[in-house]
Amino acid sequence: MIAYYEREDAEPPGPLLAVLAQAIGVPADTLRGLAPARLTTRPGTAKLLKRLQRIEELPLPDQRAVLKIVDGLLETHRRTKPSRQKAS
């Protein structure tokens, strides 16, 4: 069944289309490819995405420097984050 829906010319039956669209929270036209998928983000995430887009405009060496800083912060956070262990 999945292979059927993965074909470019296959569409789910009309009544099922509405159920699928509601289940995944997108308009039916998006599922049919008639409308573009819209990325919905929280305001803080949208700001972060705009900053990342601005980083793409930097020269490649500067992009690498920014990513190195971000990777370092993420690694430090990962190491200092208390581990969640299940109580026995």
C-alpha atoms as a PDB file:
ATOM      1  CA  MET A   1       0.000   0.000   0.000  1.00  0.00           C
ATOM      2  CA  ILE A   2       2.851   2.388   0.825  1.00  0.00           C
ATOM      3  CA  ALA A   3       4.478   1.697  -2.532  1.00  0.00           C
ATOM      4  CA  TYR A   4       1.185   2.604  -4.200  1.00  0.00           C
ATOM      5  CA  TYR A   5       1.055   6.004  -2.496  1.00  0.00           C
ATOM      6  CA  GLU A   6       4.726   6.693  -3.191  1.00  0.00           C
ATOM      7  CA  ARG A   7       4.062   6.622  -6.934  1.00  0.00           C
ATOM      8  CA  GLU A   8       3.804  10.107  -8.401  1.00  0.00           C
ATOM      9  CA  ASP A   9       0.465   9.468 -10.083  1.00  0.00           C
ATOM     10  CA  ALA A  10      -1.234   7.849  -7.072  1.00  0.00           C
ATOM     11  CA  GLU A  11      -3.639   9.733  -4.857  1.00  0.00           C
ATOM     12  CA  PRO A  12      -5.647   8.436  -1.919  1.00  0.00           C
ATOM     13  CA  PRO A  13      -9.419   8.219  -2.344  1.00  0.00           C
ATOM     14  CA  GLY A  14     -11.239  11.495  -1.620  1.00  0.00           C
ATOM     15  CA  PRO A  15     -12.780  10.498   1.729  1.00  0.00           C
ATOM     16  CA  LEU A  16      -9.455   9.119   2.940  1.00  0.00           C
ATOM     17  CA  LEU A  17      -7.594  12.259   1.833  1.00  0.00           C
ATOM     18  CA  ALA A  18      -9.465  14.436   4.325  1.00  0.00           C
ATOM     19  CA  VAL A  19      -8.789  11.955   7.145  1.00  0.00           C
ATOM     20  CA  LEU A  20      -5.066  11.779   6.303  1.00  0.00           C
ATOM     21  CA  ALA A  21      -4.763  15.564   6.060  1.00  0.00           C
ATOM     22  CA  GLN A  22      -6.418  16.034   9.438  1.00  0.00           C
ATOM     23  CA  ALA A  23      -4.289  13.302  11.034  1.00  0.00           C
ATOM     24  CA  ILE A  24      -1.010  14.960  10.061  1.00  0.00           C
ATOM     25  CA  GLY A  25      -2.263  18.532  10.350  1.00  0.00           C
ATOM     26  CA  VAL A  26      -1.853  19.777   6.791  1.00  0.00           C
ATOM     27  CA  PRO A  27      -4.323  20.967   4.154  1.00  0.00           C
ATOM     28  CA  ALA A  28      -5.514  18.303   1.709  1.00  0.00           C
ATOM     29  CA  ASP A  29      -4.166  20.402  -1.195  1.00  0.00           C
ATOM     30  CA  THR A  30      -0.688  20.071   0.293  1.00  0.00           C
ATOM     31  CA  LEU A  31      -1.002  16.285   0.311  1.00  0.00           C
ATOM     32  CA  ARG A  32      -2.103  16.357  -3.314  1.00  0.00           C
ATOM     33  CA  GLY A  33       0.837  18.574  -4.275  1.00  0.00           C
ATOM     34  CA  LEU A  34      -1.407  21.483  -5.251  1.00  0.00           C
ATOM     35  CA  ALA A  35      -0.163  23.786  -2.494  1.00  0.00           C
ATOM     36  CA  PRO A  36       3.340  24.122  -1.048  1.00  0.00           C
ATOM     37  CA  ALA A  37       4.041  22.678   2.362  1.00  0.00           C
ATOM     38  CA  ARG A  38       4.392  25.453   4.911  1.00  0.00           C
ATOM     39  CA  LEU A  39       6.882  25.257   7.712  1.00  0.00           C
ATOM     40  CA  THR A  40       5.259  26.299  10.950  1.00  0.00           C
ATOM     41  CA  THR A  41       7.655  27.318  13.674  1.00  0.00           C
ATOM     42  CA  ARG A  42       7.572  28.953  17.034  1.00  0.00           C
ATOM     43  CA  PRO A  43       8.661  32.618  17.076  1.00  0.00           C
ATOM     44  CA  GLY A  44      12.014  31.777  18.690  1.00  0.00           C
ATOM     45  CA  THR A  45      12.686  29.118  16.081  1.00  0.00           C
ATOM     46  CA  ALA A  46      11.813  31.503  13.266  1.00  0.00           C
ATOM     47  CA  LYS A  47      14.395  33.995  14.589  1.00  0.00           C
ATOM     48  CA  LEU A  48      17.001  31.242  14.742  1.00  0.00           C
ATOM     49  CA  LEU A  49      16.253  30.180  11.157  1.00  0.00           C
ATOM     50  CA  LYS A  50      16.656  33.775   9.947  1.00  0.00           C
ATOM     51  CA  ARG A  51      20.029  33.987  11.670  1.00  0.00           C
ATOM     52  CA  LEU A  52      21.121  30.729  10.076  1.00  0.00           C
ATOM     53  CA  GLN A  53      20.130  32.084   6.673  1.00  0.00           C
ATOM     54  CA  ARG A  54      22.308  35.142   7.316  1.00  0.00           C
ATOM     55  CA  ILE A  55      25.208  32.847   8.224  1.00  0.00           C
ATOM     56  CA  GLU A  56      24.831  31.240   4.788  1.00  0.00           C
ATOM     57  CA  GLU A  57      25.694  34.624   3.268  1.00  0.00           C
ATOM     58  CA  LEU A  58      29.075  34.729   5.043  1.00  0.00           C
ATOM     59  CA  PRO A  59      32.259  33.612   3.298  1.00  0.00           C
ATOM     60  CA  LEU A  60      32.904  29.871   3.705  1.00  0.00           C
ATOM     61  CA  PRO A  61      35.747  30.291   6.269  1.00  0.00           C
ATOM     62  CA  ASP A  62      33.471  32.436   8.445  1.00  0.00           C
ATOM     63  CA  GLN A  63      30.648  29.884   8.132  1.00  0.00           C
ATOM     64  CA  ARG A  64      33.028  27.180   9.313  1.00  0.00           C
ATOM     65  CA  ALA A  65      34.114  29.329  12.270  1.00  0.00           C
ATOM     66  CA  VAL A  66      30.510  29.913  13.334  1.00  0.00           C
ATOM     67  CA  LEU A  67      29.713  26.203  13.055  1.00  0.00           C
ATOM     68  CA  LYS A  68      32.808  25.314  15.059  1.00  0.00           C
ATOM     69  CA  ILE A  69      31.663  27.622  17.867  1.00  0.00           C
ATOM     70  CA  VAL A  70      28.134  26.205  17.785  1.00  0.00           C
ATOM     71  CA  ASP A  71      29.431  22.622  17.764  1.00  0.00           C
ATOM     72  CA  GLY A  72      31.649  23.412  20.753  1.00  0.00           C
ATOM     73  CA  LEU A  73      28.749  24.860  22.723  1.00  0.00           C
ATOM     74  CA  LEU A  74      26.538  21.897  21.898  1.00  0.00           C
ATOM     75  CA  GLU A  75      29.234  19.426  22.929  1.00  0.00           C
ATOM     76  CA  THR A  76      29.833  21.265  26.204  1.00  0.00           C
ATOM     77  CA  HIS A  77      26.106  21.281  26.891  1.00  0.00           C
ATOM     78  CA  ARG A  78      25.857  17.563  26.089  1.00  0.00           C
ATOM     79  CA  ARG A  79      28.690  16.718  28.499  1.00  0.00           C
ATOM     80  CA  THR A  80      27.402  18.874  31.365  1.00  0.00           C
ATOM     81  CA  LYS A  81      23.755  17.907  30.988  1.00  0.00           C
ATOM     82  CA  PRO A  82      22.693  15.599  33.821  1.00  0.00           C
ATOM     83  CA  SER A  83      21.891  12.143  32.471  1.00  0.00           C
ATOM     84  CA  ARG A  84      18.411  10.808  32.916  1.00  0.00           C
ATOM     85  CA  GLN A  85      18.608   7.420  34.517  1.00  0.00           C
ATOM     86  CA  LYS A  86      15.649   5.313  35.484  1.00  0.00           C
ATOM     87  CA  ALA A  87      15.272   4.620  39.173  1.00  0.00           C
ATOM     88  CA  SER A  88      15.479   0.926  39.943  1.00  0.00           C
END
